[in-house]
Amino acid sequence: MIFIKKAQPHFLIQVAFVITAASLSMAASAHTEEGVAGGLLSGLLHPIFGLDHLLAMVAVGLWGAQLGMPAVYLLPIVFPVVMAVGGLLGLLGMPLPFIEVGIALSALALGGMVAGNIRPGLWVAGLLVGLFAIFHGHAHGTEMPSAANPLAYGVGFIISTGLLHLAGIATGLLIRWPAGALAIRCCGAVISGFGVFFLASIAGIAG
């Protein structure tokens, strides 16, 4: 609310960059350590190196910034909360069909919402974000490294997801300027384009 109005875009971007850079600097040890430390580091880094997840998370932040209050903070809360539920389902081995398709569609649809500056009701936006969160969470819950501490990995993964949302929100603050609003919509189009590429790869057409 007050924070969003007063915060400068470059400051938020710097915060997101510094925290992300700190996580990247630990990449070497993230894949060799075990236990709580290894689980936390693996969880922090996994979303950053997964392009499909990264783009969807940034799109959530961008879309929230476009929609304004209260979506700007509710959508980035809905996604990790529902994602954690999906991760638990994946960890427990409960089946979920068309996971890869759902993840690809998340980039396509969320990017498309940003590109088109589409403004549905808050509950519709929350439902759409929550739906895609289930697929992302289930996929990563299933892929959770056996050597990692599951709880620490999950905490790290959610923190990293939140930082990606923050990066999207920080960029989305450019919407207050006409050129910035256009740039944000272009970012959405690029994300949506990657979603099409992901779907084509799943179908064996590309990649």
Protein backbone atom coordinates (compact mmCIF):
# COMPACT_ATOMS: atom_id res chain seq x y z
CA MET A 1 0.00 0.00 0.00
CA ILE A 2 2.15 2.91 1.26
CA PHE A 3 5.24 0.89 0.44
CA ILE A 4 4.17 0.23 -3.13
CA LYS A 5 3.38 3.90 -3.72
CA LYS A 6 6.60 5.25 -2.28
CA ALA A 7 9.11 2.55 -3.20
CA GLN A 8 11.30 3.37 -6.18
CA PRO A 9 11.54 0.71 -8.91
CA HIS A 10 15.31 0.80 -9.03
CA PHE A 11 15.54 0.18 -5.29
CA LEU A 12 13.33 -2.92 -5.43
CA ILE A 13 15.20 -4.22 -8.44
CA GLN A 14 18.50 -3.77 -6.59
CA VAL A 15 17.15 -5.69 -3.59
CA ALA A 16 15.99 -8.58 -5.77
CA PHE A 17 19.28 -8.58 -7.68
CA VAL A 18 21.46 -8.61 -4.56
CA ILE A 19 19.57 -11.48 -2.96
CA THR A 20 19.49 -13.46 -6.19
CA ALA A 21 23.20 -12.88 -6.78
CA ALA A 22 23.95 -14.08 -3.27
CA SER A 23 22.05 -17.27 -3.99
CA LEU A 24 23.87 -17.80 -7.29
CA SER A 25 27.24 -17.40 -5.61
CA MET A 26 26.51 -20.54 -3.61
CA ALA A 27 25.70 -22.65 -6.67
CA ALA A 28 28.77 -24.86 -6.42
CA SER A 29 28.10 -25.93 -2.86
CA ALA A 30 24.36 -26.31 -3.41
CA HIS A 31 24.85 -29.52 -5.32
CA THR A 32 27.44 -31.07 -3.04
CA GLU A 33 26.17 -30.38 0.46
CA GLU A 34 23.61 -32.61 2.08
CA GLY A 35 21.19 -32.22 4.94
CA VAL A 36 19.55 -28.92 5.86
CA ALA A 37 22.20 -26.72 4.22
CA GLY A 38 22.16 -28.63 0.95
CA GLY A 39 18.39 -28.79 0.93
CA LEU A 40 17.98 -25.06 1.53
CA LEU A 41 20.54 -24.09 -1.11
CA SER A 42 19.12 -26.51 -3.66
CA GLY A 43 15.65 -25.13 -3.03
CA LEU A 44 16.87 -21.55 -3.44
CA LEU A 45 18.64 -22.25 -6.72
CA HIS A 46 16.26 -24.65 -8.41
CA PRO A 47 13.64 -22.07 -9.52
CA ILE A 48 16.34 -19.74 -10.85
CA PHE A 49 17.75 -22.38 -13.20
CA GLY A 50 14.32 -23.64 -14.32
CA LEU A 51 13.32 -21.27 -17.12
CA ASP A 52 9.67 -22.37 -17.17
CA HIS A 53 9.29 -21.76 -13.45
CA LEU A 54 11.26 -18.51 -13.52
CA LEU A 55 9.16 -16.99 -16.30
CA ALA A 56 5.86 -17.96 -14.68
CA MET A 57 6.92 -16.46 -11.34
CA VAL A 58 8.00 -13.19 -12.91
CA ALA A 59 4.72 -13.09 -14.86
CA VAL A 60 2.75 -13.38 -11.61
CA GLY A 61 4.59 -10.36 -10.24
CA LEU A 62 4.14 -8.37 -13.44
CA TRP A 63 0.43 -9.16 -13.61
CA GLY A 64 -0.07 -8.27 -9.96
CA ALA A 65 1.60 -4.89 -10.56
CA GLN A 66 -0.67 -4.30 -13.54
CA LEU A 67 -3.79 -5.15 -11.55
CA GLY A 68 -2.75 -2.96 -8.62
CA MET A 69 -4.04 -3.27 -5.09
CA PRO A 70 -4.78 -5.74 -3.61
CA ALA A 71 -3.69 -8.16 -6.35
CA VAL A 72 -0.10 -6.91 -6.25
CA TYR A 73 0.44 -8.62 -2.91
CA LEU A 74 -2.33 -11.26 -2.93
CA LEU A 75 -1.26 -13.07 -6.11
CA PRO A 76 2.36 -13.51 -4.92
CA ILE A 77 0.93 -14.95 -1.69
CA VAL A 78 -1.55 -17.27 -3.37
CA PHE A 79 1.03 -18.84 -5.66
CA PRO A 80 3.62 -20.06 -3.10
CA VAL A 81 0.92 -21.17 -0.65
CA VAL A 82 -0.90 -23.28 -3.24
CA MET A 83 2.43 -24.37 -4.71
CA ALA A 84 3.42 -25.76 -1.31
CA VAL A 85 0.24 -27.86 -1.32
CA GLY A 86 1.06 -29.13 -4.80
CA GLY A 87 4.60 -29.89 -3.69
CA LEU A 88 3.30 -31.96 -0.79
CA LEU A 89 1.06 -33.92 -3.16
CA GLY A 90 4.05 -34.59 -5.41
CA LEU A 91 6.21 -35.59 -2.47
CA LEU A 92 3.53 -38.06 -1.36
CA GLY A 93 3.40 -39.55 -4.85
CA MET A 94 -0.19 -38.53 -5.59
CA PRO A 95 -0.68 -38.46 -9.38
CA LEU A 96 -1.54 -35.32 -11.34
CA PRO A 97 -2.07 -35.57 -15.12
CA PHE A 98 -0.56 -33.26 -17.74
CA ILE A 99 1.95 -31.64 -15.39
CA GLU A 100 4.35 -30.48 -18.12
CA VAL A 101 1.47 -29.14 -20.19
CA GLY A 102 0.11 -27.26 -17.17
CA ILE A 103 3.50 -25.66 -16.51
CA ALA A 104 3.89 -24.64 -20.16
CA LEU A 105 0.38 -23.24 -20.18
CA SER A 106 1.18 -21.17 -17.09
CA ALA A 107 3.84 -19.23 -19.00
CA LEU A 108 1.56 -18.92 -22.03
CA ALA A 109 -1.51 -17.80 -20.11
CA LEU A 110 0.10 -15.58 -17.47
CA GLY A 111 2.35 -13.96 -20.05
CA GLY A 112 -0.70 -13.46 -22.25
CA MET A 113 -2.55 -11.73 -19.40
CA VAL A 114 0.32 -9.31 -19.00
CA ALA A 115 0.72 -8.76 -22.75
CA GLY A 116 -2.98 -8.05 -23.16
CA ASN A 117 -3.21 -6.03 -19.93
CA ILE A 118 -6.21 -8.20 -19.08
CA ARG A 119 -7.89 -7.24 -15.81
CA PRO A 120 -10.35 -9.88 -14.55
CA GLY A 121 -11.90 -9.88 -11.09
CA LEU A 122 -9.54 -10.59 -8.22
CA TRP A 123 -11.04 -14.01 -7.53
CA VAL A 124 -10.61 -15.01 -11.19
CA ALA A 125 -6.98 -13.93 -11.16
CA GLY A 126 -6.37 -15.74 -7.88
CA LEU A 127 -8.04 -18.90 -9.17
CA LEU A 128 -5.94 -18.90 -12.33
CA VAL A 129 -2.70 -18.32 -10.44
CA GLY A 130 -3.59 -21.00 -7.89
CA LEU A 131 -4.41 -23.51 -10.61
CA PHE A 132 -1.00 -23.15 -12.22
CA ALA A 133 0.70 -23.18 -8.82
CA ILE A 134 -0.54 -26.73 -8.27
CA PHE A 135 1.30 -27.94 -11.38
CA HIS A 136 4.54 -26.15 -10.51
CA GLY A 137 4.46 -27.37 -6.93
CA HIS A 138 3.64 -30.97 -7.85
CA ALA A 139 6.43 -31.13 -10.43
CA HIS A 140 9.08 -29.89 -8.04
CA GLY A 141 7.77 -31.95 -5.16
CA THR A 142 8.16 -35.06 -7.32
CA GLU A 143 11.65 -34.02 -8.42
CA MET A 144 12.85 -33.16 -4.92
CA PRO A 145 16.42 -34.49 -4.49
CA SER A 146 16.50 -37.53 -2.24
CA ALA A 147 19.71 -36.28 -0.60
CA ALA A 148 18.20 -32.94 0.33
CA ASN A 149 16.31 -32.20 3.52
CA PRO A 150 12.70 -32.02 2.23
CA LEU A 151 11.58 -29.28 4.62
CA ALA A 152 14.67 -27.12 4.03
CA TYR A 153 14.38 -27.64 0.27
CA GLY A 154 10.73 -26.56 0.35
CA VAL A 155 11.51 -23.45 2.40
CA GLY A 156 14.32 -22.48 0.03
CA PHE A 157 12.13 -23.08 -3.00
CA ILE A 158 9.33 -20.89 -1.64
CA ILE A 159 11.76 -18.10 -0.70
CA SER A 160 13.27 -18.15 -4.18
CA THR A 161 9.80 -18.12 -5.72
CA GLY A 162 8.92 -15.08 -3.61
CA LEU A 163 12.05 -13.29 -4.82
CA LEU A 164 11.07 -13.95 -8.43
CA HIS A 165 7.64 -12.51 -7.69
CA LEU A 166 9.37 -9.48 -6.19
CA ALA A 167 11.47 -9.05 -9.32
CA GLY A 168 8.28 -9.09 -11.40
CA ILE A 169 6.58 -6.57 -9.11
CA ALA A 170 9.64 -4.29 -9.13
CA THR A 171 9.68 -4.32 -12.91
CA GLY A 172 5.91 -3.89 -12.97
CA LEU A 173 6.19 -0.58 -11.13
CA LEU A 174 7.32 0.88 -14.44
CA ILE A 175 3.63 0.83 -15.37
CA ARG A 176 3.28 4.37 -14.04
CA TRP A 177 5.01 5.61 -17.23
CA PRO A 178 3.56 5.00 -20.71
CA ALA A 179 6.86 3.64 -22.06
CA GLY A 180 7.20 1.43 -19.01
CA ALA A 181 3.66 0.08 -19.40
CA LEU A 182 4.46 -0.83 -23.00
CA ALA A 183 7.72 -2.51 -21.97
CA ILE A 184 5.85 -4.60 -19.39
CA ARG A 185 3.36 -5.76 -22.01
CA CYS A 186 6.27 -6.67 -24.28
CA CYS A 187 7.76 -8.73 -21.44
CA GLY A 188 4.43 -10.52 -21.15
CA ALA A 189 4.46 -11.27 -24.86
CA VAL A 190 7.96 -12.73 -24.62
CA ILE A 191 6.94 -14.93 -21.67
CA SER A 192 3.85 -16.08 -23.55
CA GLY A 193 6.03 -16.85 -26.55
CA PHE A 194 8.21 -19.07 -24.42
CA GLY A 195 5.04 -20.82 -23.27
CA VAL A 196 4.26 -21.64 -26.89
CA PHE A 197 7.81 -22.94 -27.30
CA PHE A 198 7.47 -25.13 -24.18
CA LEU A 199 4.23 -26.61 -25.55
CA ALA A 200 5.87 -27.22 -28.94
CA SER A 201 8.78 -28.97 -27.19
CA ILE A 202 6.37 -31.23 -25.30
CA ALA A 203 4.65 -32.10 -28.59
CA GLY A 204 8.04 -32.85 -30.16
CA ILE A 205 7.73 -29.99 -32.65
CA ALA A 206 10.54 -27.83 -31.25
CA GLY A 207 13.60 -28.22 -29.07
